[in-house]
C-alpha atoms as a PDB file:
ATOM      1  CA  UNK A   1     -16.351  10.735   5.034  1.00  0.00           C
ATOM      2  CA  UNK A   2     -15.296  11.892   1.222  1.00  0.00           C
ATOM      3  CA  UNK A   3     -16.169   9.881  -1.388  1.00  0.00           C
ATOM      4  CA  UNK A   4     -13.365   8.539  -3.674  1.00  0.00           C
ATOM      5  CA  UNK A   5     -12.707   9.150  -7.130  1.00  0.00           C
ATOM      6  CA  UNK A   6     -11.324   6.727  -9.459  1.00  0.00           C
ATOM      7  CA  UNK A   7      -7.412   6.712  -9.453  1.00  0.00           C
ATOM      8  CA  UNK A   8      -7.424   7.925  -5.717  1.00  0.00           C
ATOM      9  CA  UNK A   9      -4.935   6.384  -3.251  1.00  0.00           C
ATOM     10  CA  UNK A  10      -6.953   4.667  -0.580  1.00  0.00           C
ATOM     11  CA  UNK A  11      -5.105   4.326   2.806  1.00  0.00           C
ATOM     12  CA  UNK A  12      -6.508   1.724   5.281  1.00  0.00           C
ATOM     13  CA  UNK A  13      -6.328   1.357   8.808  1.00  0.00           C
ATOM     14  CA  UNK A  14      -3.058  -1.438  10.012  1.00  0.00           C
ATOM     15  CA  UNK A  15      -2.694  -3.289  13.185  1.00  0.00           C
ATOM     16  CA  UNK A  16       0.826  -1.920  12.909  1.00  0.00           C
ATOM     17  CA  UNK A  17       1.236   1.622  14.481  1.00  0.00           C
ATOM     18  CA  UNK A  18       2.950   3.801  12.019  1.00  0.00           C
ATOM     19  CA  UNK A  19       2.033   1.777   8.768  1.00  0.00           C
ATOM     20  CA  UNK A  20      -0.988   1.816   6.699  1.00  0.00           C
ATOM     21  CA  UNK A  21      -2.281  -0.491   4.183  1.00  0.00           C
ATOM     22  CA  UNK A  22      -2.795   1.145   0.817  1.00  0.00           C
ATOM     23  CA  UNK A  23      -5.059   0.363  -2.454  1.00  0.00           C
ATOM     24  CA  UNK A  24      -6.239   2.082  -5.626  1.00  0.00           C
ATOM     25  CA  UNK A  25      -9.820   3.079  -6.029  1.00  0.00           C
ATOM     26  CA  UNK A  26     -10.915   1.779  -9.448  1.00  0.00           C
ATOM     27  CA  UNK A  27     -14.735   2.453  -9.045  1.00  0.00           C
ATOM     28  CA  UNK A  28     -18.021   0.555  -7.939  1.00  0.00           C
ATOM     29  CA  UNK A  29     -16.815   0.540  -4.503  1.00  0.00           C
ATOM     30  CA  UNK A  30     -13.820  -1.720  -5.367  1.00  0.00           C
ATOM     31  CA  UNK A  31      -9.895  -1.107  -4.305  1.00  0.00           C
ATOM     32  CA  UNK A  32      -7.167  -3.042  -6.008  1.00  0.00           C
ATOM     33  CA  UNK A  33      -4.398  -3.745  -3.705  1.00  0.00           C
ATOM     34  CA  UNK A  34      -1.312  -5.996  -3.137  1.00  0.00           C
ATOM     35  CA  UNK A  35      -1.603  -8.658  -0.575  1.00  0.00           C
ATOM     36  CA  UNK A  36       1.619 -10.060   0.781  1.00  0.00           C
ATOM     37  CA  UNK A  37       1.780 -13.794   0.590  1.00  0.00           C
ATOM     38  CA  UNK A  38       3.017 -16.057   3.607  1.00  0.00           C
ATOM     39  CA  UNK A  39       2.640 -15.815   7.133  1.00  0.00           C
ATOM     40  CA  UNK A  40       3.400 -12.270   7.767  1.00  0.00           C
ATOM     41  CA  UNK A  41       4.160  -9.336   5.591  1.00  0.00           C
ATOM     42  CA  UNK A  42       7.778  -8.884   7.303  1.00  0.00           C
ATOM     43  CA  UNK A  43       8.354 -12.394   5.793  1.00  0.00           C
ATOM     44  CA  UNK A  44       6.610 -12.132   2.548  1.00  0.00           C
ATOM     45  CA  UNK A  45       8.671 -12.116  -0.510  1.00  0.00           C
ATOM     46  CA  UNK A  46       5.681 -12.010  -3.140  1.00  0.00           C
ATOM     47  CA  UNK A  47       2.553 -10.643  -3.271  1.00  0.00           C
ATOM     48  CA  UNK A  48      -0.845 -11.286  -4.862  1.00  0.00           C
ATOM     49  CA  UNK A  49      -2.466  -8.155  -6.500  1.00  0.00           C
ATOM     50  CA  UNK A  50      -6.453  -8.574  -5.425  1.00  0.00           C
ATOM     51  CA  UNK A  51      -9.550  -6.619  -5.978  1.00  0.00           C
ATOM     52  CA  UNK A  52     -11.510  -6.032  -2.806  1.00  0.00           C
ATOM     53  CA  UNK A  53     -14.605  -3.883  -1.582  1.00  0.00           C
ATOM     54  CA  UNK A  54     -13.918  -0.386  -0.197  1.00  0.00           C
ATOM     55  CA  UNK A  55     -15.101  -0.999   3.093  1.00  0.00           C
ATOM     56  CA  UNK A  56     -16.006   1.480   5.756  1.00  0.00           C
ATOM     57  CA  UNK A  57     -12.649   2.286   7.394  1.00  0.00           C
ATOM     58  CA  UNK A  58     -10.368   4.349   4.696  1.00  0.00           C
ATOM     59  CA  UNK A  59      -9.026   7.708   3.925  1.00  0.00           C
ATOM     60  CA  UNK A  60      -8.169   9.241   0.469  1.00  0.00           C
ATOM     61  CA  UNK A  61      -4.396  10.181   0.484  1.00  0.00           C
ATOM     62  CA  UNK A  62      -3.570  11.843  -2.677  1.00  0.00           C
ATOM     63  CA  UNK A  63      -0.285  13.046  -0.978  1.00  0.00           C
ATOM     64  CA  UNK A  64       2.169  13.705  -3.794  1.00  0.00           C
ATOM     65  CA  UNK A  65      -0.536  15.490  -6.138  1.00  0.00           C
ATOM     66  CA  UNK A  66       1.129  18.679  -4.645  1.00  0.00           C
ATOM     67  CA  UNK A  67       4.507  17.704  -6.424  1.00  0.00           C
ATOM     68  CA  UNK A  68       3.572  15.163  -9.395  1.00  0.00           C
ATOM     69  CA  UNK A  69       0.758  15.244 -11.753  1.00  0.00           C
ATOM     70  CA  UNK A  70      -1.332  11.958 -11.382  1.00  0.00           C
ATOM     71  CA  UNK A  71      -1.855   9.851 -14.785  1.00  0.00           C
ATOM     72  CA  UNK A  72      -5.446  10.353 -16.125  1.00  0.00           C
ATOM     73  CA  UNK A  73      -7.875   8.092 -14.005  1.00  0.00           C
ATOM     74  CA  UNK A  74      -8.661   5.525 -16.753  1.00  0.00           C
ATOM     75  CA  UNK A  75      -4.974   4.843 -17.366  1.00  0.00           C
ATOM     76  CA  UNK A  76      -4.615   4.252 -13.348  1.00  0.00           C
ATOM     77  CA  UNK A  77      -7.674   1.817 -13.267  1.00  0.00           C
ATOM     78  CA  UNK A  78      -6.975   0.167 -16.733  1.00  0.00           C
ATOM     79  CA  UNK A  79      -3.366  -0.727 -15.245  1.00  0.00           C
ATOM     80  CA  UNK A  80      -4.709  -1.503 -11.875  1.00  0.00           C
ATOM     81  CA  UNK A  81      -7.401  -3.927 -13.210  1.00  0.00           C
ATOM     82  CA  UNK A  82      -4.898  -5.402 -15.889  1.00  0.00           C
ATOM     83  CA  UNK A  83      -2.635  -6.531 -12.773  1.00  0.00           C
ATOM     84  CA  UNK A  84      -5.521  -8.268 -10.717  1.00  0.00           C
ATOM     85  CA  UNK A  85      -4.359 -12.109 -10.016  1.00  0.00           C
ATOM     86  CA  UNK A  86      -0.677 -11.069 -10.453  1.00  0.00           C
ATOM     87  CA  UNK A  87       2.343 -12.559  -8.275  1.00  0.00           C
ATOM     88  CA  UNK A  88       4.872  -9.285  -7.856  1.00  0.00           C
ATOM     89  CA  UNK A  89       7.661  -9.177  -5.749  1.00  0.00           C
ATOM     90  CA  UNK A  90       7.350  -7.919  -2.227  1.00  0.00           C
ATOM     91  CA  UNK A  91       9.112  -6.524   0.690  1.00  0.00           C
ATOM     92  CA  UNK A  92       7.898  -4.960   3.649  1.00  0.00           C
ATOM     93  CA  UNK A  93      10.126  -1.764   3.414  1.00  0.00           C
ATOM     94  CA  UNK A  94      10.604  -1.101  -0.310  1.00  0.00           C
ATOM     95  CA  UNK A  95       8.324  -3.295  -2.834  1.00  0.00           C
ATOM     96  CA  UNK A  96       5.062  -2.868  -0.842  1.00  0.00           C
ATOM     97  CA  UNK A  97       1.285  -1.727  -1.327  1.00  0.00           C
ATOM     98  CA  UNK A  98       2.221   2.072  -1.021  1.00  0.00           C
ATOM     99  CA  UNK A  99       4.935   1.767  -3.635  1.00  0.00           C
ATOM    100  CA  UNK A 100       2.414  -0.175  -5.921  1.00  0.00           C
ATOM    101  CA  UNK A 101      -0.200   2.258  -5.468  1.00  0.00           C
ATOM    102  CA  UNK A 102       2.183   5.093  -6.076  1.00  0.00           C
ATOM    103  CA  UNK A 103       3.426   3.712  -8.809  1.00  0.00           C
ATOM    104  CA  UNK A 104      -0.003   3.189 -10.593  1.00  0.00           C
ATOM    105  CA  UNK A 105      -1.225   7.082  -9.472  1.00  0.00           C
ATOM    106  CA  UNK A 106       1.938   8.783 -10.690  1.00  0.00           C
ATOM    107  CA  UNK A 107       4.257   6.487 -12.559  1.00  0.00           C
ATOM    108  CA  UNK A 108       6.854   6.739  -9.955  1.00  0.00           C
ATOM    109  CA  UNK A 109       7.428   5.749  -6.294  1.00  0.00           C
ATOM    110  CA  UNK A 110       8.150   8.384  -3.791  1.00  0.00           C
ATOM    111  CA  UNK A 111      10.464   7.326  -0.929  1.00  0.00           C
ATOM    112  CA  UNK A 112       8.826   6.914   2.177  1.00  0.00           C
ATOM    113  CA  UNK A 113      10.120   9.546   4.182  1.00  0.00           C
ATOM    114  CA  UNK A 114       9.745   7.780   7.629  1.00  0.00           C
ATOM    115  CA  UNK A 115      12.565   5.063   6.385  1.00  0.00           C
ATOM    116  CA  UNK A 116      14.886   7.733   5.630  1.00  0.00           C
ATOM    117  CA  UNK A 117      15.800   8.163   9.442  1.00  0.00           C
ATOM    118  CA  UNK A 118      17.719   4.639  10.220  1.00  0.00           C
ATOM    119  CA  UNK A 119      16.998   5.090  13.834  1.00  0.00           C
ATOM    120  CA  UNK A 120      13.424   5.363  12.945  1.00  0.00           C
ATOM    121  CA  UNK A 121      13.966   2.214  10.778  1.00  0.00           C
ATOM    122  CA  UNK A 122      15.780   0.314  13.628  1.00  0.00           C
ATOM    123  CA  UNK A 123      13.074   1.232  16.297  1.00  0.00           C
ATOM    124  CA  UNK A 124      10.236   0.114  13.932  1.00  0.00           C
ATOM    125  CA  UNK A 125      12.236  -3.219  13.266  1.00  0.00           C
ATOM    126  CA  UNK A 126      13.301  -3.703  16.790  1.00  0.00           C
ATOM    127  CA  UNK A 127       9.675  -3.103  17.941  1.00  0.00           C
ATOM    128  CA  UNK A 128       8.201  -5.692  15.291  1.00  0.00           C
ATOM    129  CA  UNK A 129      10.709  -8.408  16.117  1.00  0.00           C
ATOM    130  CA  UNK A 130      10.096  -7.743  19.807  1.00  0.00           C
ATOM    131  CA  UNK A 131       6.203  -7.922  19.189  1.00  0.00           C
ATOM    132  CA  UNK A 132       6.656 -11.322  17.263  1.00  0.00           C
ATOM    133  CA  UNK A 133       8.708 -12.724  20.197  1.00  0.00           C
ATOM    134  CA  UNK A 134       5.670 -12.073  22.584  1.00  0.00           C
ATOM    135  CA  UNK A 135       3.166 -13.185  20.109  1.00  0.00           C
ATOM    136  CA  UNK A 136       5.374 -16.522  19.099  1.00  0.00           C
ATOM    137  CA  UNK A 137       7.861 -17.456  21.800  1.00  0.00           C
END
């Protein structure tokens, strides 16, 4: 498994097919990430910025480096650590963990291309709602 460098975007596996959890690597085997507050990420309206150990299951995904110049690692890390314990607005589809780390790394957000297709979005939301009804009848 590749070793991350400070400022790398880290993608973690998720229980929701097609979605991932994201963090920014700040060194010392530590990641800063956005954690939704509430019963589920779909219902959350706020999230807390937290630090956590990197763990063993992850991939490095600096996917916009070919388009945008990343900020210097020291700037990314300084901004990420400064935000730890802050409560931020959250929306599963727009103000989420991927946007949080993208903003930190590049200073701008790249739209999730999957959400540009309205039929995919409807399918994802419908599947999540059905899954919720099965778990919580």
